[in-house]
């Protein structure tokens, strides 16, 4: 699992066939999928490559059919890749992330990425919301802790900067 993250770091932002295979495998841990996408970084248009790969894998040309049938961890991977490709417009990524959260509502990893994408939209109008939406996920004791504590710490270190927007 650390190998796939290392390979993503060495891929210099370009999603490889090996990474797409890994991300589309339902049995691979969701937190490793997220770390892999994180290692690819932002500003790369890997979404089209990944969606084409998935359409091919599942023999469908319909994006709607594909999205309806993907498992939650593959959906959240797709949503995160979409958000990372253009974080100024994450509406589509948010819809995909919402579907992932509906399919697996107990996953901390999935809920955190969903919250981060929502927070990205909230950046335009309310810094307090940016903080609250992520803070709520971290404090939710009912969620399965499928995200490394160090990852949570790093996310919240950044998100806590927005708590100032919640004065009063």
N, C-alpha and C. Protein backbone atom coordinates (compact mmCIF):
# COMPACT_ATOMS: atom_id res chain seq x y z
N UNK A 1 0.83 -1.21 0.00
CA UNK A 1 0.00 0.00 0.00
C UNK A 1 0.87 1.27 0.00
N UNK A 2 1.99 1.24 0.73
CA UNK A 2 2.89 2.41 0.70
C UNK A 2 3.55 2.53 -0.68
N UNK A 3 3.70 1.38 -1.36
CA UNK A 3 4.30 1.36 -2.68
C UNK A 3 3.46 2.16 -3.68
N UNK A 4 2.14 2.01 -3.63
CA UNK A 4 1.27 2.72 -4.58
C UNK A 4 1.33 4.24 -4.33
N UNK A 5 1.44 4.65 -3.08
CA UNK A 5 1.55 6.07 -2.76
C UNK A 5 2.90 6.61 -3.26
N UNK A 6 3.98 5.83 -3.06
CA UNK A 6 5.30 6.21 -3.58
C UNK A 6 5.27 6.34 -5.10
N UNK A 7 4.63 5.39 -5.76
CA UNK A 7 4.51 5.44 -7.23
C UNK A 7 3.74 6.67 -7.68
N UNK A 8 2.71 7.03 -6.93
CA UNK A 8 1.94 8.23 -7.26
C UNK A 8 2.80 9.49 -7.11
N UNK A 9 3.64 9.52 -6.09
CA UNK A 9 4.56 10.65 -5.90
C UNK A 9 5.53 10.76 -7.08
N UNK A 10 6.01 9.61 -7.54
CA UNK A 10 6.97 9.59 -8.65
C UNK A 10 6.30 9.84 -10.01
N UNK A 11 4.99 9.70 -10.07
CA UNK A 11 4.25 9.88 -11.34
C UNK A 11 4.14 11.35 -11.75
N UNK A 12 4.61 12.24 -10.90
CA UNK A 12 4.62 13.68 -11.17
C UNK A 12 3.25 14.21 -11.62
N UNK A 13 2.21 13.78 -10.93
CA UNK A 13 0.88 14.32 -11.18
C UNK A 13 0.05 13.60 -12.22
N UNK A 14 0.68 12.71 -12.99
CA UNK A 14 -0.05 12.03 -14.07
C UNK A 14 -0.49 10.65 -13.58
N UNK A 15 -1.79 10.41 -13.62
CA UNK A 15 -2.33 9.11 -13.17
C UNK A 15 -1.85 8.01 -14.12
N UNK A 16 -1.36 6.92 -13.54
CA UNK A 16 -0.87 5.80 -14.36
C UNK A 16 -1.90 4.67 -14.37
N UNK A 17 -1.70 3.72 -15.28
CA UNK A 17 -2.59 2.56 -15.37
C UNK A 17 -2.60 1.82 -14.03
N UNK A 18 -1.44 1.63 -13.45
CA UNK A 18 -1.32 0.93 -12.17
C UNK A 18 -2.15 1.62 -11.07
N UNK A 19 -2.09 2.93 -11.04
CA UNK A 19 -2.85 3.70 -10.04
C UNK A 19 -4.35 3.55 -10.29
N UNK A 20 -4.76 3.62 -11.55
CA UNK A 20 -6.19 3.46 -11.87
C UNK A 20 -6.70 2.08 -11.47
N UNK A 21 -5.89 1.05 -11.71
CA UNK A 21 -6.25 -0.31 -11.32
C UNK A 21 -6.44 -0.35 -9.79
N UNK A 22 -5.49 0.22 -9.07
CA UNK A 22 -5.54 0.23 -7.61
C UNK A 22 -6.79 0.96 -7.10
N UNK A 23 -7.04 2.14 -7.64
CA UNK A 23 -8.17 2.96 -7.18
C UNK A 23 -9.52 2.31 -7.47
N UNK A 24 -9.57 1.52 -8.53
CA UNK A 24 -10.85 0.92 -8.93
C UNK A 24 -11.11 -0.43 -8.26
N UNK A 25 -10.16 -0.88 -7.47
CA UNK A 25 -10.32 -2.17 -6.78
C UNK A 25 -11.03 -1.95 -5.45
N UNK A 26 -12.27 -2.43 -5.38
CA UNK A 26 -13.13 -2.19 -4.21
C UNK A 26 -12.50 -2.64 -2.89
N UNK A 27 -11.69 -3.67 -2.92
CA UNK A 27 -11.11 -4.24 -1.70
C UNK A 27 -9.91 -3.46 -1.16
N UNK A 28 -9.34 -2.56 -1.96
CA UNK A 28 -8.21 -1.76 -1.47
C UNK A 28 -8.70 -0.73 -0.46
N UNK A 29 -7.93 -0.49 0.61
CA UNK A 29 -8.37 0.44 1.66
C UNK A 29 -8.58 1.86 1.13
N UNK A 30 -9.71 2.44 1.50
CA UNK A 30 -10.07 3.77 1.03
C UNK A 30 -9.05 4.82 1.46
N UNK A 31 -8.47 4.68 2.65
CA UNK A 31 -7.50 5.70 3.10
C UNK A 31 -6.23 5.68 2.25
N UNK A 32 -5.87 4.51 1.73
CA UNK A 32 -4.70 4.41 0.85
C UNK A 32 -5.04 5.02 -0.52
N UNK A 33 -6.25 4.81 -0.97
CA UNK A 33 -6.70 5.43 -2.23
C UNK A 33 -6.61 6.95 -2.11
N UNK A 34 -7.07 7.49 -0.99
CA UNK A 34 -7.04 8.94 -0.77
C UNK A 34 -5.60 9.45 -0.70
N UNK A 35 -4.74 8.72 0.00
CA UNK A 35 -3.32 9.11 0.09
C UNK A 35 -2.66 9.08 -1.29
N UNK A 36 -3.06 8.13 -2.11
CA UNK A 36 -2.52 8.01 -3.47
C UNK A 36 -2.92 9.21 -4.32
N UNK A 37 -4.19 9.58 -4.24
CA UNK A 37 -4.69 10.74 -5.00
C UNK A 37 -4.02 12.01 -4.50
N UNK A 38 -3.86 12.11 -3.18
CA UNK A 38 -3.18 13.24 -2.58
C UNK A 38 -1.75 13.37 -3.12
N UNK A 39 -1.08 12.22 -3.27
CA UNK A 39 0.29 12.20 -3.77
C UNK A 39 0.37 12.66 -5.23
N UNK A 40 -0.72 12.46 -5.98
CA UNK A 40 -0.75 12.96 -7.37
C UNK A 40 -0.83 14.48 -7.40
N UNK A 41 -1.33 15.05 -6.31
CA UNK A 41 -1.46 16.49 -6.13
C UNK A 41 -2.58 17.08 -6.98
N UNK A 42 -2.70 18.42 -6.94
CA UNK A 42 -3.80 19.09 -7.63
C UNK A 42 -3.34 19.72 -8.93
N UNK A 43 -4.32 20.15 -9.72
CA UNK A 43 -4.03 20.86 -10.96
C UNK A 43 -3.74 19.95 -12.14
N UNK A 44 -3.97 18.65 -11.99
CA UNK A 44 -3.75 17.71 -13.09
C UNK A 44 -5.10 17.17 -13.53
N UNK A 45 -5.32 17.10 -14.84
CA UNK A 45 -6.61 16.58 -15.27
C UNK A 45 -6.56 15.07 -15.43
N UNK A 46 -6.64 14.38 -14.30
CA UNK A 46 -6.63 12.92 -14.30
C UNK A 46 -8.03 12.33 -14.36
N UNK A 47 -9.03 13.19 -14.22
CA UNK A 47 -10.42 12.72 -14.18
C UNK A 47 -10.82 12.01 -15.48
N UNK A 48 -10.53 12.63 -16.61
CA UNK A 48 -10.92 12.04 -17.90
C UNK A 48 -10.26 10.68 -18.10
N UNK A 49 -9.01 10.57 -17.74
CA UNK A 49 -8.30 9.29 -17.87
C UNK A 49 -8.95 8.23 -16.99
N UNK A 50 -9.26 8.61 -15.76
CA UNK A 50 -9.82 7.64 -14.81
C UNK A 50 -11.24 7.23 -15.21
N UNK A 51 -12.04 8.20 -15.64
CA UNK A 51 -13.42 7.89 -16.03
C UNK A 51 -13.41 6.99 -17.28
N UNK A 52 -12.51 7.25 -18.21
CA UNK A 52 -12.38 6.40 -19.41
C UNK A 52 -11.98 4.98 -19.03
N UNK A 53 -11.02 4.89 -18.11
CA UNK A 53 -10.57 3.58 -17.63
C UNK A 53 -11.75 2.81 -17.02
N UNK A 54 -12.54 3.50 -16.18
CA UNK A 54 -13.67 2.85 -15.50
C UNK A 54 -14.76 2.44 -16.49
N UNK A 55 -15.04 3.30 -17.47
CA UNK A 55 -16.05 2.96 -18.50
C UNK A 55 -15.62 1.70 -19.25
N UNK A 56 -14.34 1.63 -19.53
CA UNK A 56 -13.78 0.47 -20.22
C UNK A 56 -13.85 -0.77 -19.33
N UNK A 57 -13.45 -0.63 -18.08
CA UNK A 57 -13.45 -1.75 -17.13
C UNK A 57 -14.85 -2.35 -16.96
N UNK A 58 -15.85 -1.47 -16.89
CA UNK A 58 -17.22 -1.92 -16.65
C UNK A 58 -18.07 -1.96 -17.92
N UNK A 59 -17.41 -1.85 -19.08
CA UNK A 59 -18.07 -1.93 -20.38
C UNK A 59 -19.34 -1.08 -20.48
N UNK A 60 -19.19 0.20 -20.19
CA UNK A 60 -20.32 1.11 -20.37
C UNK A 60 -19.83 2.44 -20.93
N UNK A 61 -20.65 3.05 -21.76
CA UNK A 61 -20.32 4.38 -22.26
C UNK A 61 -21.05 5.45 -21.45
N UNK A 62 -21.98 5.00 -20.61
CA UNK A 62 -22.80 5.94 -19.85
C UNK A 62 -22.17 6.27 -18.50
N UNK A 63 -21.86 7.55 -18.34
CA UNK A 63 -21.28 8.01 -17.07
C UNK A 63 -22.30 7.84 -15.95
N UNK A 64 -23.56 8.06 -16.24
CA UNK A 64 -24.62 7.94 -15.24
C UNK A 64 -24.73 6.50 -14.73
N UNK A 65 -24.74 5.55 -15.66
CA UNK A 65 -24.78 4.13 -15.30
C UNK A 65 -23.57 3.77 -14.46
N UNK A 66 -22.42 4.24 -14.92
CA UNK A 66 -21.16 3.96 -14.21
C UNK A 66 -21.23 4.46 -12.76
N UNK A 67 -21.58 5.73 -12.60
CA UNK A 67 -21.62 6.34 -11.27
C UNK A 67 -22.64 5.65 -10.35
N UNK A 68 -23.73 5.21 -10.93
CA UNK A 68 -24.77 4.53 -10.14
C UNK A 68 -24.28 3.18 -9.61
N UNK A 69 -23.37 2.55 -10.33
CA UNK A 69 -22.96 1.19 -10.00
C UNK A 69 -21.61 1.06 -9.30
N UNK A 70 -20.84 2.13 -9.25
CA UNK A 70 -19.53 2.05 -8.58
C UNK A 70 -19.69 1.92 -7.07
N UNK A 71 -18.73 1.24 -6.44
CA UNK A 71 -18.71 1.14 -4.98
C UNK A 71 -18.28 2.49 -4.39
N UNK A 72 -18.53 2.67 -3.12
CA UNK A 72 -18.27 3.94 -2.44
C UNK A 72 -16.81 4.39 -2.50
N UNK A 73 -15.86 3.47 -2.32
CA UNK A 73 -14.45 3.89 -2.29
C UNK A 73 -13.95 4.30 -3.67
N UNK A 74 -14.49 3.68 -4.72
CA UNK A 74 -14.12 4.10 -6.08
C UNK A 74 -14.78 5.44 -6.41
N UNK A 75 -16.02 5.60 -5.97
CA UNK A 75 -16.72 6.88 -6.17
C UNK A 75 -15.99 8.03 -5.49
N UNK A 76 -15.56 7.82 -4.24
CA UNK A 76 -14.89 8.92 -3.53
C UNK A 76 -13.54 9.21 -4.19
N UNK A 77 -12.90 8.18 -4.73
CA UNK A 77 -11.63 8.38 -5.46
C UNK A 77 -11.88 9.26 -6.69
N UNK A 78 -12.94 8.94 -7.41
CA UNK A 78 -13.31 9.70 -8.60
C UNK A 78 -13.64 11.15 -8.24
N UNK A 79 -14.41 11.32 -7.16
CA UNK A 79 -14.78 12.66 -6.70
C UNK A 79 -13.54 13.48 -6.31
N UNK A 80 -12.61 12.83 -5.60
CA UNK A 80 -11.41 13.51 -5.14
C UNK A 80 -10.51 13.89 -6.32
N UNK A 81 -10.39 12.99 -7.28
CA UNK A 81 -9.61 13.29 -8.49
C UNK A 81 -10.24 14.46 -9.24
N UNK A 82 -11.56 14.46 -9.33
CA UNK A 82 -12.29 15.54 -10.00
C UNK A 82 -12.04 16.87 -9.28
N UNK A 83 -12.15 16.86 -7.96
CA UNK A 83 -11.94 18.09 -7.18
C UNK A 83 -10.50 18.58 -7.31
N UNK A 84 -9.55 17.65 -7.33
CA UNK A 84 -8.13 18.01 -7.42
C UNK A 84 -7.78 18.55 -8.82
N UNK A 85 -8.56 18.18 -9.82
CA UNK A 85 -8.25 18.65 -11.17
C UNK A 85 -8.60 20.13 -11.34
N UNK A 86 -9.64 20.59 -10.63
CA UNK A 86 -9.98 22.01 -10.69
C UNK A 86 -10.71 22.39 -9.41
N UNK A 87 -9.96 22.83 -8.41
CA UNK A 87 -10.60 23.12 -7.13
C UNK A 87 -11.36 24.44 -7.10
N UNK A 88 -11.43 25.14 -8.24
CA UNK A 88 -12.27 26.35 -8.33
C UNK A 88 -13.70 25.99 -8.70
N UNK A 89 -13.87 24.77 -9.20
CA UNK A 89 -15.21 24.31 -9.56
C UNK A 89 -15.36 22.85 -9.14
N UNK A 90 -15.93 22.65 -7.97
CA UNK A 90 -16.03 21.29 -7.41
C UNK A 90 -17.47 20.80 -7.29
N UNK A 91 -18.39 21.48 -7.98
CA UNK A 91 -19.80 21.08 -7.87
C UNK A 91 -20.04 19.64 -8.31
N UNK A 92 -19.48 19.28 -9.45
CA UNK A 92 -19.63 17.91 -9.96
C UNK A 92 -18.96 16.90 -9.02
N UNK A 93 -17.79 17.25 -8.54
CA UNK A 93 -17.06 16.40 -7.60
C UNK A 93 -17.89 16.20 -6.33
N UNK A 94 -18.56 17.26 -5.90
CA UNK A 94 -19.38 17.19 -4.69
C UNK A 94 -20.55 16.22 -4.86
N UNK A 95 -21.19 16.25 -6.02
CA UNK A 95 -22.31 15.33 -6.28
C UNK A 95 -21.83 13.88 -6.22
N UNK A 96 -20.67 13.62 -6.81
CA UNK A 96 -20.10 12.26 -6.79
C UNK A 96 -19.75 11.86 -5.36
N UNK A 97 -19.16 12.79 -4.60
CA UNK A 97 -18.79 12.53 -3.21
C UNK A 97 -20.02 12.26 -2.35
N UNK A 98 -21.10 13.00 -2.62
CA UNK A 98 -22.35 12.78 -1.89
C UNK A 98 -22.86 11.36 -2.11
N UNK A 99 -22.77 10.90 -3.34
CA UNK A 99 -23.20 9.54 -3.66
C UNK A 99 -22.35 8.50 -2.94
N UNK A 100 -21.06 8.76 -2.85
CA UNK A 100 -20.17 7.85 -2.12
C UNK A 100 -20.57 7.79 -0.64
N UNK A 101 -20.85 8.96 -0.06
CA UNK A 101 -21.23 9.03 1.36
C UNK A 101 -22.58 8.35 1.61
N UNK A 102 -23.47 8.41 0.64
CA UNK A 102 -24.76 7.72 0.77
C UNK A 102 -24.57 6.21 0.74
N UNK A 103 -23.61 5.76 -0.08
CA UNK A 103 -23.37 4.32 -0.20
C UNK A 103 -22.60 3.76 0.99
N UNK A 104 -21.80 4.59 1.63
CA UNK A 104 -21.02 4.14 2.79
C UNK A 104 -20.98 5.24 3.86
N UNK A 105 -22.12 5.46 4.52
CA UNK A 105 -22.25 6.59 5.45
C UNK A 105 -21.40 6.48 6.72
N UNK A 106 -20.85 5.31 7.01
CA UNK A 106 -20.09 5.14 8.26
C UNK A 106 -18.59 5.38 8.10
N UNK A 107 -18.12 5.62 6.88
CA UNK A 107 -16.69 5.77 6.65
C UNK A 107 -16.20 7.19 6.95
N UNK A 108 -15.24 7.30 7.87
CA UNK A 108 -14.63 8.59 8.18
C UNK A 108 -13.91 9.13 6.94
N UNK A 109 -13.16 8.28 6.24
CA UNK A 109 -12.42 8.70 5.04
C UNK A 109 -13.35 9.33 4.01
N UNK A 110 -14.42 8.62 3.70
CA UNK A 110 -15.36 9.10 2.68
C UNK A 110 -16.05 10.38 3.13
N UNK A 111 -16.46 10.42 4.39
CA UNK A 111 -17.11 11.63 4.91
C UNK A 111 -16.15 12.81 4.96
N UNK A 112 -14.87 12.56 5.24
CA UNK A 112 -13.89 13.64 5.30
C UNK A 112 -13.65 14.24 3.91
N UNK A 113 -13.49 13.40 2.90
CA UNK A 113 -13.29 13.92 1.54
C UNK A 113 -14.54 14.67 1.09
N UNK A 114 -15.69 14.12 1.39
CA UNK A 114 -16.97 14.77 1.09
C UNK A 114 -17.01 16.16 1.74
N UNK A 115 -16.62 16.22 3.01
CA UNK A 115 -16.61 17.49 3.76
C UNK A 115 -15.60 18.47 3.17
N UNK A 116 -14.42 17.98 2.80
CA UNK A 116 -13.40 18.86 2.22
C UNK A 116 -13.86 19.45 0.89
N UNK A 117 -14.55 18.65 0.10
CA UNK A 117 -15.06 19.16 -1.19
C UNK A 117 -16.15 20.20 -0.93
N UNK A 118 -17.03 19.91 0.02
CA UNK A 118 -18.06 20.88 0.40
C UNK A 118 -17.42 22.17 0.94
N UNK A 119 -16.40 21.99 1.78
CA UNK A 119 -15.69 23.14 2.35
C UNK A 119 -15.07 24.00 1.26
N UNK A 120 -14.59 23.35 0.20
CA UNK A 120 -14.01 24.09 -0.92
C UNK A 120 -15.06 25.01 -1.56
N UNK A 121 -16.30 24.51 -1.67
CA UNK A 121 -17.37 25.35 -2.20
C UNK A 121 -17.71 26.49 -1.23
N UNK A 122 -17.67 26.19 0.06
CA UNK A 122 -18.01 27.18 1.09
C UNK A 122 -16.97 28.31 1.19
N UNK A 123 -15.75 28.05 0.70
CA UNK A 123 -14.67 29.07 0.72
C UNK A 123 -15.15 30.38 0.11
N UNK A 124 -16.02 30.29 -0.87
CA UNK A 124 -16.51 31.48 -1.57
C UNK A 124 -17.42 32.36 -0.72
N UNK A 125 -18.06 31.77 0.29
CA UNK A 125 -19.02 32.58 1.02
C UNK A 125 -18.97 32.52 2.54
N UNK A 126 -18.35 31.48 3.14
CA UNK A 126 -18.39 31.41 4.60
C UNK A 126 -17.26 30.58 5.18
N UNK A 127 -16.26 31.24 5.73
CA UNK A 127 -15.12 30.54 6.32
C UNK A 127 -15.53 29.69 7.53
N UNK A 128 -16.53 30.13 8.26
CA UNK A 128 -16.98 29.36 9.41
C UNK A 128 -17.51 27.99 8.94
N UNK A 129 -18.25 27.96 7.87
CA UNK A 129 -18.76 26.71 7.31
C UNK A 129 -17.62 25.77 6.91
N UNK A 130 -16.57 26.33 6.33
CA UNK A 130 -15.38 25.55 5.95
C UNK A 130 -14.89 24.76 7.16
N UNK A 131 -14.77 25.46 8.28
CA UNK A 131 -14.32 24.83 9.52
C UNK A 131 -15.35 23.83 10.05
N UNK A 132 -16.59 24.27 10.18
CA UNK A 132 -17.63 23.46 10.83
C UNK A 132 -17.89 22.13 10.14
N UNK A 133 -17.94 22.14 8.82
CA UNK A 133 -18.28 20.93 8.09
C UNK A 133 -17.22 19.83 8.30
N UNK A 134 -15.96 20.21 8.37
CA UNK A 134 -14.89 19.24 8.61
C UNK A 134 -14.79 18.87 10.08
N UNK A 135 -14.95 19.85 10.95
CA UNK A 135 -14.90 19.62 12.38
C UNK A 135 -15.99 18.63 12.81
N UNK A 136 -17.17 18.76 12.22
CA UNK A 136 -18.29 17.88 12.52
C UNK A 136 -17.94 16.42 12.19
N UNK A 137 -17.27 16.20 11.06
CA UNK A 137 -16.88 14.85 10.66
C UNK A 137 -15.87 14.27 11.65
N UNK A 138 -14.86 15.06 12.00
CA UNK A 138 -13.81 14.59 12.91
C UNK A 138 -14.39 14.22 14.29
N UNK A 139 -15.38 14.95 14.72
CA UNK A 139 -15.96 14.73 16.06
C UNK A 139 -17.05 13.66 16.08
N UNK A 140 -17.44 13.17 14.91
CA UNK A 140 -18.51 12.17 14.83
C UNK A 140 -18.01 10.80 15.29
N UNK A 141 -18.40 10.42 16.49
CA UNK A 141 -17.93 9.17 17.10
C UNK A 141 -18.52 7.92 16.44
N UNK A 142 -19.59 8.10 15.65
CA UNK A 142 -20.24 6.94 15.03
C UNK A 142 -19.50 6.45 13.78
N UNK A 143 -18.58 7.28 13.25
CA UNK A 143 -17.88 6.91 12.02
C UNK A 143 -16.78 5.89 12.26
N UNK A 144 -16.61 4.99 11.30
CA UNK A 144 -15.53 4.01 11.34
C UNK A 144 -14.21 4.74 11.07
N UNK A 145 -13.27 4.60 11.95
CA UNK A 145 -11.99 5.32 11.87
C UNK A 145 -11.08 4.67 10.81
N UNK A 146 -11.43 4.89 9.55
CA UNK A 146 -10.65 4.32 8.45
C UNK A 146 -9.76 5.37 7.79
N UNK A 147 -9.33 6.33 8.60
CA UNK A 147 -8.41 7.37 8.14
C UNK A 147 -7.33 7.50 9.20
N UNK A 148 -6.07 7.50 8.77
CA UNK A 148 -4.95 7.55 9.69
C UNK A 148 -5.02 8.83 10.54
N UNK A 149 -4.79 8.70 11.86
CA UNK A 149 -4.83 9.87 12.74
C UNK A 149 -3.92 11.02 12.28
N UNK A 150 -2.78 10.67 11.69
CA UNK A 150 -1.84 11.69 11.19
C UNK A 150 -2.49 12.48 10.04
N UNK A 151 -3.23 11.79 9.19
CA UNK A 151 -3.92 12.45 8.07
C UNK A 151 -4.98 13.41 8.61
N UNK A 152 -5.73 12.95 9.61
CA UNK A 152 -6.76 13.79 10.23
C UNK A 152 -6.11 15.04 10.83
N UNK A 153 -5.00 14.82 11.52
CA UNK A 153 -4.26 15.92 12.15
C UNK A 153 -3.82 16.95 11.10
N UNK A 154 -3.27 16.48 9.99
CA UNK A 154 -2.80 17.39 8.93
C UNK A 154 -3.96 18.16 8.31
N UNK A 155 -5.07 17.48 8.07
CA UNK A 155 -6.25 18.13 7.49
C UNK A 155 -6.74 19.22 8.45
N UNK A 156 -6.89 18.85 9.71
CA UNK A 156 -7.47 19.78 10.68
C UNK A 156 -6.54 20.93 11.03
N UNK A 157 -5.24 20.71 10.94
CA UNK A 157 -4.27 21.78 11.15
C UNK A 157 -4.55 22.92 10.17
N UNK A 158 -4.87 22.54 8.94
CA UNK A 158 -5.20 23.51 7.89
C UNK A 158 -6.61 24.07 8.09
N UNK A 159 -7.58 23.21 8.32
CA UNK A 159 -8.98 23.61 8.45
C UNK A 159 -9.22 24.49 9.67
N UNK A 160 -8.50 24.23 10.76
CA UNK A 160 -8.66 25.03 11.98
C UNK A 160 -8.37 26.51 11.76
N UNK A 161 -7.59 26.84 10.74
CA UNK A 161 -7.30 28.24 10.42
C UNK A 161 -8.59 28.99 10.08
N UNK A 162 -9.60 28.25 9.63
CA UNK A 162 -10.87 28.87 9.23
C UNK A 162 -11.84 29.04 10.40
N UNK A 163 -11.47 28.52 11.58
CA UNK A 163 -12.36 28.63 12.74
C UNK A 163 -12.53 30.09 13.19
N UNK A 164 -11.58 30.94 12.81
CA UNK A 164 -11.69 32.38 13.10
C UNK A 164 -12.94 32.98 12.48
N UNK A 165 -13.40 32.39 11.39
CA UNK A 165 -14.61 32.86 10.73
C UNK A 165 -15.85 32.64 11.57
N UNK A 166 -15.70 31.89 12.67
CA UNK A 166 -16.84 31.57 13.55
C UNK A 166 -16.88 32.44 14.79
N UNK A 167 -16.28 33.62 14.75
CA UNK A 167 -16.31 34.52 15.92
C UNK A 167 -17.76 34.75 16.34
N UNK A 168 -18.00 34.80 17.64
CA UNK A 168 -19.30 34.86 18.36
C UNK A 168 -19.66 33.45 18.75
